Amino acid sequence: MQSRSFKEAILNQRMLICVFTGFTSGLPLYVLIQLVPAWLRVEGVGLAEIGFFALVGFPYTWKFLWSPVMDRFTLPFLGRRRGWMLVTQLALLGSIASMGFIEPALSIWTVAYLAAAVAFFSASQDIVLDAYRRELLPDIELGLGNAIHVQAYRLSGLVPGALALILADHLPWHTVFMVVAMFMGVGLLLTLVIQEAITEPTPPRTMREAIVEPFKDFIERRGLDAALLVMAFLFFYKLGDNMATALQTPFFVDVGFSLTQIGSVAKFSSLIASIIGGLVGGVIMIKVSINRALWLFGLVQIVSILGFAALAEAGPNLWVLGVVVALEYLGVGLGTAALTAFIARSTNPAFAATQIALFTALAALPRTLANAVTGIIVEQVGWTNFFLMCTALAVPGMLLLFKVAPWNEPQESG
């Protein structure tokens, strides 16, 4: 980046594409972790049952099982990556729109099946979008490109987590879900106007090559012990904040905020924080190494979790709500940006789909496993103690940084 200014680095077509990939990738996930829990809570479903709904997110943790298929085979339209993008995005539009026609109190299992379908199509879309972005961005732009992607990813949460909640106070749920589903049109537009990445590698010639070579390559490049440490780090780095935000919207409801207050005050704060976070994160990811960004943003993540504990004690104070949500979006968003850049750096572009699917699955595993029991934990210990526990669970990931991303080795390569 020494030879290019910040303006030249950020004002190019690749960064604009990262905005669109982030939005279309994040929208389905936030439907599952923000809109669906709020919908179920308002409809009278218990916290324990809502917590178990996190289990429908298992496709995010097992997507590496079918990522070789998406690496190996090219659909007969639009190209190797764009064809899969189109199929998954159309499936997401249909499945999200269908959810609102179900009555949770009468058909909770039908809701679960549809949520699982959304998770499957969303995880599949992530496989191909992540691979496309890795092929698109040169190594020198990985930090900035992924920072922009992540902030757009989080901004997409304003649709199911803000707009949808405000609309739900005035419109029937099936209309709300249809409106949210139509925002998948952003992804469809992206797919139709972009070209395949110039640096697109040759597809694997056989299924065996597509399955075996990505894992063999990763272990051979790092060594078995180092590879295992990296995988442990990916699991633990965001364990605390994933748990803390798992039942975020039901938490706000329990504190005493209305859906409109949550949708306006909380999400406006998140919008401002995401924009600031994107700019700050972009500058920092240019000026410092990915390793140091992991350290800095990881510490901010821990502080942001404590903000939820403070809100639990403060009660329904709108100012506290705005500050806490802004801090959470700033800290967690920056941490996610650094982790995503670390994952991209650790992959070989020749095996991008499967390697990134494996690494992001490990990073998502805590959200699925731990979040499934968060409702039970909260009901047993209360919100404040729960958030303090989440803070403690964020520490192991920071300790692993000493091994996988040392502060004094900024140029460590994957």
Protein backbone atom coordinates (compact mmCIF):
# COMPACT_ATOMS: atom_id res chain seq x y z
CA MET A 1 0.00 0.00 0.00
CA GLN A 2 3.06 2.21 0.20
CA SER A 3 2.74 3.30 -3.44
CA ARG A 4 -0.95 4.16 -3.29
CA SER A 5 -2.90 6.76 -1.34
CA PHE A 6 -5.86 5.90 0.85
CA LYS A 7 -8.15 7.53 -1.74
CA GLU A 8 -6.79 5.30 -4.50
CA ALA A 9 -7.10 2.24 -2.30
CA ILE A 10 -10.75 2.77 -1.35
CA LEU A 11 -12.18 4.41 -4.49
CA ASN A 12 -12.10 1.48 -6.88
CA GLN A 13 -14.61 -0.98 -8.25
CA ARG A 14 -13.39 -3.84 -6.06
CA MET A 15 -14.29 -1.93 -2.88
CA LEU A 16 -17.76 -1.15 -4.26
CA ILE A 17 -18.30 -4.85 -4.97
CA CYS A 18 -17.29 -5.58 -1.34
CA VAL A 19 -20.12 -3.27 -0.20
CA PHE A 20 -22.67 -5.31 -2.17
CA THR A 21 -21.25 -8.72 -1.15
CA GLY A 22 -21.39 -7.65 2.49
CA PHE A 23 -25.00 -6.49 2.34
CA THR A 24 -26.36 -9.51 0.50
CA SER A 25 -24.38 -11.93 2.68
CA GLY A 26 -25.47 -10.38 5.98
CA LEU A 27 -29.19 -9.92 5.30
CA PRO A 28 -30.28 -13.59 5.64
CA LEU A 29 -28.24 -14.10 8.81
CA TYR A 30 -29.81 -11.08 10.49
CA VAL A 31 -33.24 -12.35 9.50
CA LEU A 32 -32.43 -15.44 11.56
CA ILE A 33 -30.75 -13.81 14.55
CA GLN A 34 -32.73 -10.55 14.84
CA LEU A 35 -36.08 -10.65 13.05
CA VAL A 36 -37.09 -14.26 13.76
CA PRO A 37 -36.31 -14.08 17.54
CA ALA A 38 -38.25 -10.80 17.85
CA TRP A 39 -41.16 -12.27 15.89
CA LEU A 40 -41.22 -15.40 18.04
CA ARG A 41 -40.94 -13.43 21.29
CA VAL A 42 -43.80 -11.10 20.34
CA GLU A 43 -45.88 -14.16 19.40
CA GLY A 44 -45.35 -15.57 22.91
CA VAL A 45 -42.60 -18.16 22.32
CA GLY A 46 -40.33 -18.72 25.35
CA LEU A 47 -36.67 -17.69 25.58
CA ALA A 48 -35.48 -21.28 25.87
CA GLU A 49 -37.29 -22.25 22.67
CA ILE A 50 -35.96 -19.14 20.89
CA GLY A 51 -32.45 -20.03 22.02
CA PHE A 52 -32.77 -23.52 20.57
CA PHE A 53 -33.65 -21.91 17.24
CA ALA A 54 -29.93 -21.18 16.93
CA LEU A 55 -29.55 -24.87 16.02
CA VAL A 56 -31.07 -24.14 12.61
CA GLY A 57 -27.81 -22.31 11.94
CA PHE A 58 -25.88 -25.58 11.64
CA PRO A 59 -25.46 -25.09 7.86
CA TYR A 60 -23.10 -22.21 8.69
CA THR A 61 -20.87 -24.63 10.61
CA TRP A 62 -21.07 -27.52 8.14
CA LYS A 63 -20.90 -25.64 4.85
CA PHE A 64 -17.40 -26.96 4.15
CA LEU A 65 -19.04 -30.35 3.51
CA TRP A 66 -20.69 -29.17 0.28
CA SER A 67 -18.32 -26.34 -0.62
CA PRO A 68 -16.19 -28.75 -2.75
CA VAL A 69 -19.24 -29.29 -4.97
CA MET A 70 -19.49 -25.53 -5.55
CA ASP A 71 -15.74 -25.41 -6.21
CA ARG A 72 -15.76 -28.37 -8.59
CA PHE A 73 -18.88 -27.79 -10.69
CA THR A 74 -19.87 -24.77 -12.76
CA LEU A 75 -23.53 -24.18 -13.55
CA PRO A 76 -24.40 -23.70 -17.27
CA PHE A 77 -25.07 -19.97 -16.91
CA LEU A 78 -23.29 -16.79 -15.72
CA GLY A 79 -19.97 -18.46 -14.93
CA ARG A 80 -18.29 -20.43 -12.15
CA ARG A 81 -19.19 -18.18 -9.19
CA ARG A 82 -22.05 -16.04 -10.50
CA GLY A 83 -24.23 -19.02 -11.43
CA TRP A 84 -24.20 -20.29 -7.85
CA MET A 85 -24.81 -16.75 -6.60
CA LEU A 86 -27.99 -16.44 -8.65
CA VAL A 87 -29.42 -19.81 -7.53
CA THR A 88 -28.81 -19.22 -3.82
CA GLN A 89 -30.13 -15.65 -3.91
CA LEU A 90 -33.39 -16.63 -5.62
CA ALA A 91 -33.84 -19.43 -3.07
CA LEU A 92 -33.26 -16.97 -0.22
CA LEU A 93 -35.79 -14.51 -1.59
CA GLY A 94 -38.47 -17.21 -1.72
CA SER A 95 -37.75 -18.83 1.63
CA ILE A 96 -37.58 -15.54 3.58
CA ALA A 97 -40.82 -14.31 2.02
CA SER A 98 -42.57 -17.56 2.98
CA MET A 99 -41.80 -17.35 6.71
CA GLY A 100 -44.32 -14.66 7.55
CA PHE A 101 -47.24 -16.79 6.40
CA ILE A 102 -46.65 -19.26 9.26
CA GLU A 103 -48.27 -18.92 12.70
CA PRO A 104 -45.52 -19.73 15.26
CA ALA A 105 -47.89 -20.71 18.05
CA LEU A 106 -49.53 -23.33 15.82
CA SER A 107 -46.66 -24.44 13.57
CA ILE A 108 -43.36 -23.90 15.39
CA TRP A 109 -41.75 -26.83 13.54
CA THR A 110 -42.72 -25.36 10.17
CA VAL A 111 -41.01 -22.14 11.21
CA ALA A 112 -37.95 -24.19 12.20
CA TYR A 113 -37.85 -25.97 8.82
CA LEU A 114 -38.09 -22.70 6.89
CA ALA A 115 -35.44 -21.10 9.11
CA ALA A 116 -33.17 -24.08 8.42
CA ALA A 117 -33.76 -23.61 4.68
CA VAL A 118 -32.82 -19.92 4.95
CA ALA A 119 -29.66 -20.91 6.85
CA PHE A 120 -28.72 -23.52 4.23
CA PHE A 121 -29.17 -21.17 1.27
CA SER A 122 -27.44 -18.35 3.17
CA ALA A 123 -24.44 -20.54 4.04
CA SER A 124 -24.25 -21.68 0.41
CA GLN A 125 -24.33 -18.08 -0.80
CA ASP A 126 -21.52 -17.25 1.67
CA ILE A 127 -19.36 -20.02 0.20
CA VAL A 128 -19.45 -18.55 -3.28
CA LEU A 129 -19.36 -14.87 -2.23
CA ASP A 130 -16.33 -15.44 0.01
CA ALA A 131 -14.54 -17.35 -2.74
CA TYR A 132 -15.33 -14.65 -5.30
CA ARG A 133 -14.05 -11.91 -3.00
CA ARG A 134 -10.82 -13.81 -2.29
CA GLU A 135 -10.26 -14.21 -6.04
CA LEU A 136 -11.14 -10.56 -6.66
CA LEU A 137 -8.93 -8.83 -4.08
CA PRO A 138 -5.13 -8.72 -4.34
CA ASP A 139 -3.39 -9.56 -1.05
CA ILE A 140 -2.58 -5.92 -0.35
CA GLU A 141 -6.32 -5.05 -0.36
CA LEU A 142 -7.51 -7.94 1.84
CA GLY A 143 -7.62 -5.89 5.04
CA LEU A 144 -9.48 -2.92 3.60
CA GLY A 145 -11.77 -4.97 1.35
CA ASN A 146 -12.85 -7.23 4.18
CA ALA A 147 -13.33 -4.28 6.53
CA ILE A 148 -15.73 -2.74 4.00
CA HIS A 149 -17.44 -6.11 3.43
CA VAL A 150 -18.00 -6.65 7.16
CA GLN A 151 -19.37 -3.16 7.80
CA ALA A 152 -21.80 -3.54 4.88
CA TYR A 153 -22.64 -6.99 6.28
CA ARG A 154 -23.56 -5.46 9.61
CA LEU A 155 -25.40 -2.53 8.02
CA SER A 156 -27.67 -5.06 6.31
CA GLY A 157 -28.97 -5.87 9.80
CA LEU A 158 -30.82 -2.55 9.71
CA VAL A 159 -33.37 -4.12 7.35
CA PRO A 160 -34.54 -7.10 9.48
CA GLY A 161 -33.44 -5.51 12.78
CA ALA A 162 -34.78 -1.97 12.36
CA LEU A 163 -37.04 -1.43 9.34
CA ALA A 164 -38.84 -4.74 9.84
CA LEU A 165 -39.43 -4.14 13.56
CA ILE A 166 -40.87 -0.69 12.92
CA LEU A 167 -43.11 -2.06 10.16
CA ALA A 168 -44.23 -4.90 12.46
CA ASP A 169 -45.95 -2.35 14.73
CA HIS A 170 -48.15 -1.32 11.78
CA LEU A 171 -48.32 -4.19 9.28
CA PRO A 172 -49.03 -7.95 9.40
CA TRP A 173 -46.01 -10.22 9.69
CA HIS A 174 -46.36 -11.76 6.24
CA THR A 175 -46.03 -8.28 4.69
CA VAL A 176 -43.00 -7.54 6.85
CA PHE A 177 -41.21 -10.71 5.73
CA MET A 178 -42.02 -10.05 2.08
CA VAL A 179 -40.57 -6.53 2.30
CA VAL A 180 -37.39 -7.91 3.88
CA ALA A 181 -37.12 -10.64 1.24
CA MET A 182 -37.24 -8.08 -1.57
CA PHE A 183 -33.95 -6.61 -0.31
CA MET A 184 -32.27 -9.74 -1.68
CA GLY A 185 -32.68 -7.89 -4.96
CA VAL A 186 -29.45 -6.09 -4.03
CA GLY A 187 -27.61 -9.39 -4.35
CA LEU A 188 -29.37 -10.30 -7.56
CA LEU A 189 -28.39 -6.95 -9.08
CA LEU A 190 -24.78 -7.52 -8.03
CA THR A 191 -24.73 -10.98 -9.62
CA LEU A 192 -26.09 -9.73 -12.92
CA VAL A 193 -23.75 -6.76 -13.36
CA ILE A 194 -20.35 -8.01 -12.16
CA GLN A 195 -17.90 -10.15 -14.11
CA GLU A 196 -16.05 -13.25 -12.93
CA ALA A 197 -12.86 -12.38 -11.04
CA ILE A 198 -9.86 -11.84 -13.32
CA THR A 199 -7.65 -13.91 -11.03
CA GLU A 200 -10.10 -16.83 -11.05
CA PRO A 201 -8.07 -20.06 -10.64
CA THR A 202 -8.64 -23.27 -12.59
CA PRO A 203 -11.43 -25.39 -11.00
CA PRO A 204 -10.49 -28.75 -9.45
CA ARG A 205 -10.53 -31.51 -12.06
CA THR A 206 -12.12 -34.17 -9.82
CA MET A 207 -14.23 -34.31 -6.66
CA ARG A 208 -11.34 -35.99 -4.87
CA GLU A 209 -9.11 -33.04 -5.73
CA ALA A 210 -11.82 -30.61 -4.62
CA ILE A 211 -12.19 -32.36 -1.24
CA VAL A 212 -8.65 -33.44 -0.32
CA GLU A 213 -6.34 -30.77 -1.70
CA PRO A 214 -7.69 -27.76 0.27
CA PHE A 215 -7.06 -29.51 3.61
CA LYS A 216 -3.73 -30.96 2.51
CA ASP A 217 -2.57 -27.55 1.30
CA PHE A 218 -3.46 -25.79 4.57
CA ILE A 219 -1.68 -28.35 6.77
CA GLU A 220 1.41 -28.53 4.55
CA ARG A 221 1.81 -24.76 4.46
CA ARG A 222 1.59 -24.31 8.24
CA GLY A 223 2.38 -27.66 9.84
CA LEU A 224 -0.12 -29.69 11.85
CA ASP A 225 0.43 -28.02 15.25
CA ALA A 226 0.19 -24.49 13.85
CA ALA A 227 -2.88 -25.44 11.80
CA LEU A 228 -4.65 -26.75 14.91
CA LEU A 229 -3.83 -23.55 16.82
CA VAL A 230 -5.29 -21.46 14.01
CA MET A 231 -8.47 -23.54 14.05
CA ALA A 232 -8.77 -23.17 17.84
CA PHE A 233 -8.29 -19.42 17.51
CA LEU A 234 -11.04 -19.18 14.88
CA PHE A 235 -13.41 -20.91 17.30
CA PHE A 236 -12.60 -18.83 20.39
CA TYR A 237 -11.91 -15.32 19.08
CA LYS A 238 -15.58 -14.32 18.77
CA LEU A 239 -17.12 -16.81 21.21
CA GLY A 240 -17.92 -14.17 23.84
CA ASP A 241 -19.51 -11.55 21.60
CA ASN A 242 -21.39 -14.17 19.55
CA MET A 243 -23.07 -15.36 22.75
CA ALA A 244 -23.66 -11.81 23.98
CA THR A 245 -25.50 -10.81 20.81
CA ALA A 246 -27.38 -14.09 20.28
CA LEU A 247 -30.55 -12.90 22.00
CA GLN A 248 -29.97 -9.18 21.56
CA THR A 249 -33.46 -8.24 20.42
CA PRO A 250 -35.29 -10.36 23.05
CA PHE A 251 -32.94 -8.76 25.63
CA PHE A 252 -34.02 -5.28 24.55
CA VAL A 253 -37.66 -6.37 24.76
CA ASP A 254 -37.13 -7.76 28.28
CA VAL A 255 -35.38 -4.57 29.42
CA GLY A 256 -38.59 -2.72 28.54
CA PHE A 257 -38.11 -1.13 25.13
CA SER A 258 -40.86 -1.17 22.49
CA LEU A 259 -40.22 -2.58 19.03
CA THR A 260 -40.31 0.92 17.57
CA GLN A 261 -37.73 2.15 20.09
CA ILE A 262 -35.51 -0.83 19.27
CA GLY A 263 -35.97 -0.31 15.56
CA SER A 264 -35.26 3.43 15.63
CA VAL A 265 -32.93 4.37 18.49
CA ALA A 266 -30.89 1.16 18.65
CA LYS A 267 -30.53 0.71 14.93
CA PHE A 268 -29.82 4.39 14.22
CA SER A 269 -26.95 4.13 16.67
CA SER A 270 -25.74 1.01 14.90
CA LEU A 271 -25.88 2.81 11.55
CA ILE A 272 -23.67 5.67 12.74
CA ALA A 273 -21.28 3.30 14.51
CA SER A 274 -21.02 1.05 11.44
CA ILE A 275 -20.13 3.98 9.19
CA ILE A 276 -17.53 5.27 11.64
CA GLY A 277 -16.28 1.74 12.23
CA GLY A 278 -15.91 1.14 8.53
CA LEU A 279 -13.84 4.29 8.05
CA VAL A 280 -11.74 3.76 11.18
CA GLY A 281 -11.29 0.09 10.40
CA GLY A 282 -10.25 0.83 6.84
CA VAL A 283 -7.62 3.34 7.94
CA ILE A 284 -6.28 1.06 10.67
CA MET A 285 -6.16 -1.97 8.36
CA ILE A 286 -4.05 0.10 5.95
CA LYS A 287 -1.75 1.60 8.58
CA VAL A 288 -1.19 -1.49 10.75
CA SER A 289 -0.92 -5.21 10.09
CA ILE A 290 -3.83 -7.65 10.28
CA ASN A 291 -2.15 -9.15 13.36
CA ARG A 292 -2.19 -5.88 15.27
CA ALA A 293 -5.75 -5.15 14.16
CA LEU A 294 -6.81 -8.46 15.75
CA TRP A 295 -5.30 -7.34 19.06
CA LEU A 296 -6.74 -3.83 19.02
CA PHE A 297 -10.22 -4.77 17.87
CA GLY A 298 -10.36 -7.81 20.15
CA LEU A 299 -9.91 -5.56 23.19
CA VAL A 300 -12.69 -3.26 21.97
CA GLN A 301 -14.93 -6.33 21.58
CA ILE A 302 -14.47 -7.24 25.24
CA VAL A 303 -15.33 -3.71 26.39
CA SER A 304 -18.44 -3.68 24.19
CA ILE A 305 -19.78 -6.85 25.83
CA LEU A 306 -19.61 -5.15 29.23
CA GLY A 307 -21.88 -2.45 27.82
CA PHE A 308 -24.76 -4.95 27.67
CA ALA A 309 -24.29 -5.72 31.35
CA ALA A 310 -24.48 -1.98 32.07
CA LEU A 311 -27.74 -1.70 30.09
CA ALA A 312 -29.23 -4.64 32.00
CA GLU A 313 -28.62 -2.70 35.22
CA ALA A 314 -29.68 0.70 33.87
CA GLY A 315 -33.10 -0.42 32.59
CA PRO A 316 -35.05 1.11 29.66
CA ASN A 317 -32.94 4.24 29.22
CA LEU A 318 -32.83 5.28 25.55
CA TRP A 319 -29.52 7.11 25.84
CA VAL A 320 -27.83 4.10 27.41
CA LEU A 321 -29.37 1.89 24.73
CA GLY A 322 -27.96 4.09 21.95
CA VAL A 323 -24.46 4.22 23.45
CA VAL A 324 -24.33 0.48 24.17
CA VAL A 325 -25.50 -0.51 20.67
CA ALA A 326 -23.09 1.95 19.05
CA LEU A 327 -20.19 0.53 21.08
CA GLU A 328 -21.21 -3.02 20.22
CA TYR A 329 -21.43 -2.32 16.49
CA LEU A 330 -18.13 -0.47 16.54
CA GLY A 331 -16.22 -3.09 18.55
CA VAL A 332 -17.72 -6.29 17.21
CA GLY A 333 -17.76 -5.00 13.64
CA LEU A 334 -14.08 -4.10 13.75
CA GLY A 335 -13.22 -7.45 15.34
CA THR A 336 -15.13 -9.29 12.64
CA ALA A 337 -13.35 -7.27 9.93
CA ALA A 338 -9.93 -8.20 11.29
CA LEU A 339 -10.89 -11.86 11.67
CA THR A 340 -12.30 -12.01 8.14
CA ALA A 341 -9.11 -10.50 6.75
CA PHE A 342 -7.06 -13.03 8.76
CA ILE A 343 -9.13 -15.88 7.31
CA ALA A 344 -8.69 -14.60 3.75
CA ARG A 345 -4.95 -14.21 4.27
CA SER A 346 -4.72 -17.78 5.58
CA THR A 347 -6.23 -19.28 2.42
CA ASN A 348 -4.81 -20.30 -0.92
CA PRO A 349 -6.81 -18.65 -3.76
CA ALA A 350 -6.67 -21.95 -5.65
CA PHE A 351 -8.84 -23.56 -2.93
CA ALA A 352 -10.70 -20.46 -1.79
CA ALA A 353 -14.26 -21.81 -1.55
CA THR A 354 -13.50 -24.86 0.58
CA GLN A 355 -10.79 -23.33 2.78
CA ILE A 356 -12.77 -20.18 3.54
CA ALA A 357 -15.90 -22.30 4.13
CA LEU A 358 -13.97 -24.39 6.68
CA PHE A 359 -12.48 -21.40 8.48
CA THR A 360 -15.68 -19.35 8.58
CA ALA A 361 -17.57 -22.45 9.73
CA LEU A 362 -15.23 -22.75 12.69
CA ALA A 363 -15.76 -19.06 13.47
CA ALA A 364 -19.55 -19.56 13.27
CA LEU A 365 -19.61 -22.75 15.36
CA PRO A 366 -19.84 -20.91 18.73
CA ARG A 367 -22.81 -18.92 17.46
CA THR A 368 -24.68 -22.13 16.68
CA LEU A 369 -23.67 -24.37 19.58
CA ALA A 370 -23.38 -21.90 22.44
CA ASN A 371 -26.31 -19.74 21.34
CA ALA A 372 -28.61 -22.75 21.45
CA VAL A 373 -28.35 -22.73 25.25
CA THR A 374 -28.14 -18.99 25.86
CA GLY A 375 -31.86 -18.78 26.59
CA ILE A 376 -31.54 -21.44 29.28
CA ILE A 377 -28.48 -19.72 30.78
CA VAL A 378 -30.23 -16.34 30.92
CA GLU A 379 -33.28 -17.83 32.59
CA GLN A 380 -31.01 -19.37 35.24
CA VAL A 381 -28.54 -16.54 36.00
CA GLY A 382 -30.18 -13.36 34.66
CA TRP A 383 -29.04 -10.96 31.97
CA THR A 384 -26.27 -9.17 33.91
CA ASN A 385 -24.46 -12.33 35.02
CA PHE A 386 -24.87 -13.75 31.52
CA PHE A 387 -23.04 -10.82 29.94
CA LEU A 388 -20.26 -11.02 32.54
CA MET A 389 -19.85 -14.68 31.63
CA CYS A 390 -19.66 -13.75 27.95
CA THR A 391 -16.88 -11.28 28.77
CA ALA A 392 -14.88 -14.06 30.45
CA LEU A 393 -15.39 -16.34 27.43
CA ALA A 394 -13.82 -13.69 25.17
CA VAL A 395 -10.45 -13.99 26.94
CA PRO A 396 -9.17 -17.37 25.56
CA GLY A 397 -9.32 -16.11 21.98
CA MET A 398 -7.18 -13.12 22.93
CA LEU A 399 -4.60 -15.37 24.60
CA LEU A 400 -4.28 -17.47 21.43
CA LEU A 401 -3.16 -14.35 19.57
CA PHE A 402 0.26 -14.78 21.17
CA LYS A 403 0.69 -17.90 19.00
CA VAL A 404 -1.29 -17.31 15.81
CA ALA A 405 -0.94 -13.54 15.29
CA PRO A 406 1.91 -12.11 17.41
CA TRP A 407 1.94 -8.34 17.79
CA ASN A 408 5.58 -8.08 16.77
CA GLU A 409 5.22 -10.14 13.57
CA PRO A 410 2.99 -7.84 11.48
CA GLN A 411 4.01 -9.37 8.18
CA GLU A 412 3.21 -12.97 9.09
CA SER A 413 1.70 -14.64 6.06
CA GLY A 414 -0.74 -17.46 5.73
